[in-house]
Amino acid sequence: MIALPPETEIIGLTRRQLQVIDGLSTGKPAKAVAGELKLTINQVTNDVQRAIHVLDAGNTVGLVATAFRKGWIE
């Protein structure tokens, strides 16, 4: 579940990027997350890559871990 911080604009992530991160945090593959959010797999991949870059997370695991640590997802 997403705990969208009010300062989302400050952290540089979009609501959709947080939704994608949240979906991945449950262990779902990107294709399943894309289906649930009615996105293409390319959109999900792009959102993940942009979020990794913005947060300097290194990879998807680091991205999800950062989101958990910051309290953006539960």
N, C-alpha and C. Protein backbone atom coordinates (compact mmCIF):
# COMPACT_ATOMS: atom_id res chain seq x y z
N MET A 1 0.84 -1.17 0.00
CA MET A 1 0.00 0.00 0.00
C MET A 1 0.89 1.24 0.00
N ILE A 2 0.51 2.21 -0.78
CA ILE A 2 1.29 3.43 -0.92
C ILE A 2 0.94 4.41 0.19
N ALA A 3 1.96 4.92 0.81
CA ALA A 3 1.80 6.00 1.79
C ALA A 3 2.41 7.24 1.12
N LEU A 4 1.67 7.82 0.20
CA LEU A 4 2.19 8.90 -0.63
C LEU A 4 2.52 10.11 0.22
N PRO A 5 3.81 10.48 0.25
CA PRO A 5 4.19 11.64 1.05
C PRO A 5 3.71 12.92 0.39
N PRO A 6 3.36 13.92 1.20
CA PRO A 6 2.89 15.19 0.63
C PRO A 6 3.97 15.88 -0.19
N GLU A 7 5.23 15.58 0.09
CA GLU A 7 6.32 16.23 -0.62
C GLU A 7 6.77 15.43 -1.84
N THR A 8 5.83 14.71 -2.48
CA THR A 8 6.17 13.89 -3.64
C THR A 8 6.90 14.70 -4.69
N GLU A 9 6.48 15.92 -4.90
CA GLU A 9 7.14 16.77 -5.88
C GLU A 9 8.60 16.99 -5.50
N ILE A 10 8.86 17.09 -4.21
CA ILE A 10 10.21 17.33 -3.74
C ILE A 10 11.09 16.11 -3.96
N ILE A 11 10.57 14.92 -3.72
CA ILE A 11 11.39 13.73 -3.88
C ILE A 11 11.58 13.38 -5.34
N GLY A 12 10.77 13.94 -6.22
CA GLY A 12 10.97 13.76 -7.65
C GLY A 12 10.32 12.54 -8.26
N LEU A 13 9.46 11.86 -7.52
CA LEU A 13 8.77 10.69 -8.06
C LEU A 13 7.30 11.03 -8.32
N THR A 14 6.75 10.41 -9.34
CA THR A 14 5.33 10.60 -9.63
C THR A 14 4.51 9.58 -8.85
N ARG A 15 3.23 9.84 -8.75
CA ARG A 15 2.33 8.88 -8.10
C ARG A 15 2.42 7.53 -8.81
N ARG A 16 2.46 7.55 -10.14
CA ARG A 16 2.52 6.29 -10.90
C ARG A 16 3.81 5.54 -10.60
N GLN A 17 4.92 6.24 -10.50
CA GLN A 17 6.17 5.57 -10.17
C GLN A 17 6.07 4.90 -8.80
N LEU A 18 5.46 5.57 -7.85
CA LEU A 18 5.27 4.97 -6.54
C LEU A 18 4.34 3.77 -6.59
N GLN A 19 3.31 3.84 -7.44
CA GLN A 19 2.41 2.70 -7.61
C GLN A 19 3.16 1.51 -8.19
N VAL A 20 4.03 1.76 -9.14
CA VAL A 20 4.83 0.69 -9.74
C VAL A 20 5.76 0.09 -8.69
N ILE A 21 6.45 0.94 -7.94
CA ILE A 21 7.35 0.45 -6.89
C ILE A 21 6.57 -0.38 -5.88
N ASP A 22 5.40 0.09 -5.51
CA ASP A 22 4.56 -0.64 -4.56
C ASP A 22 4.20 -2.01 -5.11
N GLY A 23 3.82 -2.07 -6.37
CA GLY A 23 3.48 -3.36 -6.98
C GLY A 23 4.66 -4.31 -7.00
N LEU A 24 5.82 -3.80 -7.33
CA LEU A 24 7.02 -4.64 -7.37
C LEU A 24 7.41 -5.11 -5.97
N SER A 25 7.10 -4.30 -4.97
CA SER A 25 7.49 -4.65 -3.60
C SER A 25 6.77 -5.89 -3.09
N THR A 26 5.68 -6.25 -3.72
CA THR A 26 4.94 -7.45 -3.30
C THR A 26 5.46 -8.71 -3.97
N GLY A 27 6.47 -8.54 -4.81
CA GLY A 27 7.05 -9.69 -5.49
C GLY A 27 6.45 -9.98 -6.85
N LYS A 28 5.51 -9.14 -7.27
CA LYS A 28 4.89 -9.34 -8.58
C LYS A 28 5.88 -8.99 -9.68
N PRO A 29 5.85 -9.74 -10.78
CA PRO A 29 6.71 -9.36 -11.91
C PRO A 29 6.19 -8.08 -12.57
N ALA A 30 7.06 -7.42 -13.29
CA ALA A 30 6.70 -6.16 -13.94
C ALA A 30 5.48 -6.32 -14.85
N LYS A 31 5.37 -7.46 -15.52
CA LYS A 31 4.23 -7.69 -16.42
C LYS A 31 2.91 -7.69 -15.64
N ALA A 32 2.90 -8.28 -14.46
CA ALA A 32 1.68 -8.30 -13.64
C ALA A 32 1.36 -6.90 -13.13
N VAL A 33 2.38 -6.16 -12.73
CA VAL A 33 2.18 -4.78 -12.27
C VAL A 33 1.60 -3.95 -13.41
N ALA A 34 2.15 -4.13 -14.60
CA ALA A 34 1.65 -3.40 -15.78
C ALA A 34 0.17 -3.70 -16.00
N GLY A 35 -0.20 -4.95 -15.92
CA GLY A 35 -1.60 -5.34 -16.12
C GLY A 35 -2.52 -4.72 -15.09
N GLU A 36 -2.10 -4.74 -13.83
CA GLU A 36 -2.93 -4.18 -12.76
C GLU A 36 -3.12 -2.67 -12.91
N LEU A 37 -2.08 -1.99 -13.36
CA LEU A 37 -2.14 -0.54 -13.48
C LEU A 37 -2.58 -0.08 -14.87
N LYS A 38 -2.88 -1.06 -15.72
CA LYS A 38 -3.30 -0.78 -17.11
C LYS A 38 -2.24 0.03 -17.86
N LEU A 39 -1.00 -0.44 -17.72
CA LEU A 39 0.14 0.17 -18.39
C LEU A 39 0.79 -0.87 -19.29
N THR A 40 1.66 -0.42 -20.16
CA THR A 40 2.45 -1.37 -20.94
C THR A 40 3.68 -1.76 -20.11
N ILE A 41 4.27 -2.87 -20.46
CA ILE A 41 5.49 -3.29 -19.78
C ILE A 41 6.59 -2.24 -19.97
N ASN A 42 6.60 -1.59 -21.13
CA ASN A 42 7.60 -0.54 -21.38
C ASN A 42 7.40 0.65 -20.44
N GLN A 43 6.15 1.01 -20.17
CA GLN A 43 5.89 2.11 -19.24
C GLN A 43 6.39 1.76 -17.84
N VAL A 44 6.14 0.54 -17.42
CA VAL A 44 6.60 0.10 -16.10
C VAL A 44 8.12 0.12 -16.04
N THR A 45 8.75 -0.43 -17.07
CA THR A 45 10.22 -0.44 -17.12
C THR A 45 10.79 0.97 -17.09
N ASN A 46 10.19 1.87 -17.86
CA ASN A 46 10.65 3.26 -17.87
C ASN A 46 10.47 3.93 -16.51
N ASP A 47 9.31 3.69 -15.88
CA ASP A 47 9.07 4.27 -14.56
C ASP A 47 10.10 3.78 -13.55
N VAL A 48 10.41 2.49 -13.60
CA VAL A 48 11.41 1.93 -12.68
C VAL A 48 12.77 2.56 -12.93
N GLN A 49 13.17 2.63 -14.19
CA GLN A 49 14.49 3.18 -14.51
C GLN A 49 14.61 4.66 -14.10
N ARG A 50 13.55 5.41 -14.34
CA ARG A 50 13.58 6.83 -13.94
C ARG A 50 13.66 6.98 -12.42
N ALA A 51 12.89 6.16 -11.71
CA ALA A 51 12.90 6.22 -10.25
C ALA A 51 14.26 5.80 -9.70
N ILE A 52 14.87 4.79 -10.29
CA ILE A 52 16.21 4.36 -9.87
C ILE A 52 17.18 5.53 -10.05
N HIS A 53 17.07 6.20 -11.17
CA HIS A 53 17.96 7.34 -11.44
C HIS A 53 17.73 8.48 -10.45
N VAL A 54 16.47 8.84 -10.23
CA VAL A 54 16.14 9.95 -9.33
C VAL A 54 16.64 9.68 -7.91
N LEU A 55 16.47 8.45 -7.45
CA LEU A 55 16.84 8.12 -6.07
C LEU A 55 18.25 7.57 -5.96
N ASP A 56 18.93 7.43 -7.10
CA ASP A 56 20.28 6.85 -7.14
C ASP A 56 20.29 5.52 -6.40
N ALA A 57 19.30 4.69 -6.73
CA ALA A 57 19.09 3.43 -6.01
C ALA A 57 19.94 2.28 -6.53
N GLY A 58 20.49 2.38 -7.72
CA GLY A 58 21.34 1.32 -8.24
C GLY A 58 20.61 0.25 -9.01
N ASN A 59 19.54 -0.29 -8.43
CA ASN A 59 18.74 -1.33 -9.10
C ASN A 59 17.35 -1.39 -8.47
N THR A 60 16.53 -2.32 -8.96
CA THR A 60 15.15 -2.40 -8.50
C THR A 60 15.07 -2.77 -7.02
N VAL A 61 15.93 -3.67 -6.58
CA VAL A 61 15.93 -4.05 -5.16
C VAL A 61 16.26 -2.84 -4.29
N GLY A 62 17.25 -2.07 -4.70
CA GLY A 62 17.59 -0.86 -3.97
C GLY A 62 16.47 0.16 -3.98
N LEU A 63 15.77 0.22 -5.10
CA LEU A 63 14.64 1.14 -5.24
C LEU A 63 13.53 0.79 -4.24
N VAL A 64 13.17 -0.48 -4.20
CA VAL A 64 12.12 -0.92 -3.28
C VAL A 64 12.57 -0.73 -1.84
N ALA A 65 13.82 -1.06 -1.55
CA ALA A 65 14.35 -0.90 -0.19
C ALA A 65 14.31 0.57 0.24
N THR A 66 14.68 1.47 -0.65
CA THR A 66 14.65 2.90 -0.35
C THR A 66 13.23 3.35 -0.05
N ALA A 67 12.28 2.89 -0.85
CA ALA A 67 10.88 3.27 -0.64
C ALA A 67 10.36 2.77 0.70
N PHE A 68 10.76 1.54 1.09
CA PHE A 68 10.37 1.03 2.40
C PHE A 68 11.00 1.86 3.52
N ARG A 69 12.30 2.13 3.41
CA ARG A 69 13.00 2.89 4.45
C ARG A 69 12.42 4.28 4.64
N LYS A 70 12.03 4.90 3.54
CA LYS A 70 11.49 6.26 3.60
C LYS A 70 10.03 6.27 4.03
N GLY A 71 9.40 5.09 4.09
CA GLY A 71 8.01 5.01 4.50
C GLY A 71 7.02 5.34 3.40
N TRP A 72 7.47 5.29 2.13
CA TRP A 72 6.59 5.60 1.01
C TRP A 72 5.70 4.43 0.66
N ILE A 73 6.14 3.23 0.97
CA ILE A 73 5.32 2.03 0.78
C ILE A 73 5.36 1.22 2.05
N GLU A 74 4.35 0.39 2.23
CA GLU A 74 4.26 -0.42 3.46
C GLU A 74 4.34 -1.89 3.12
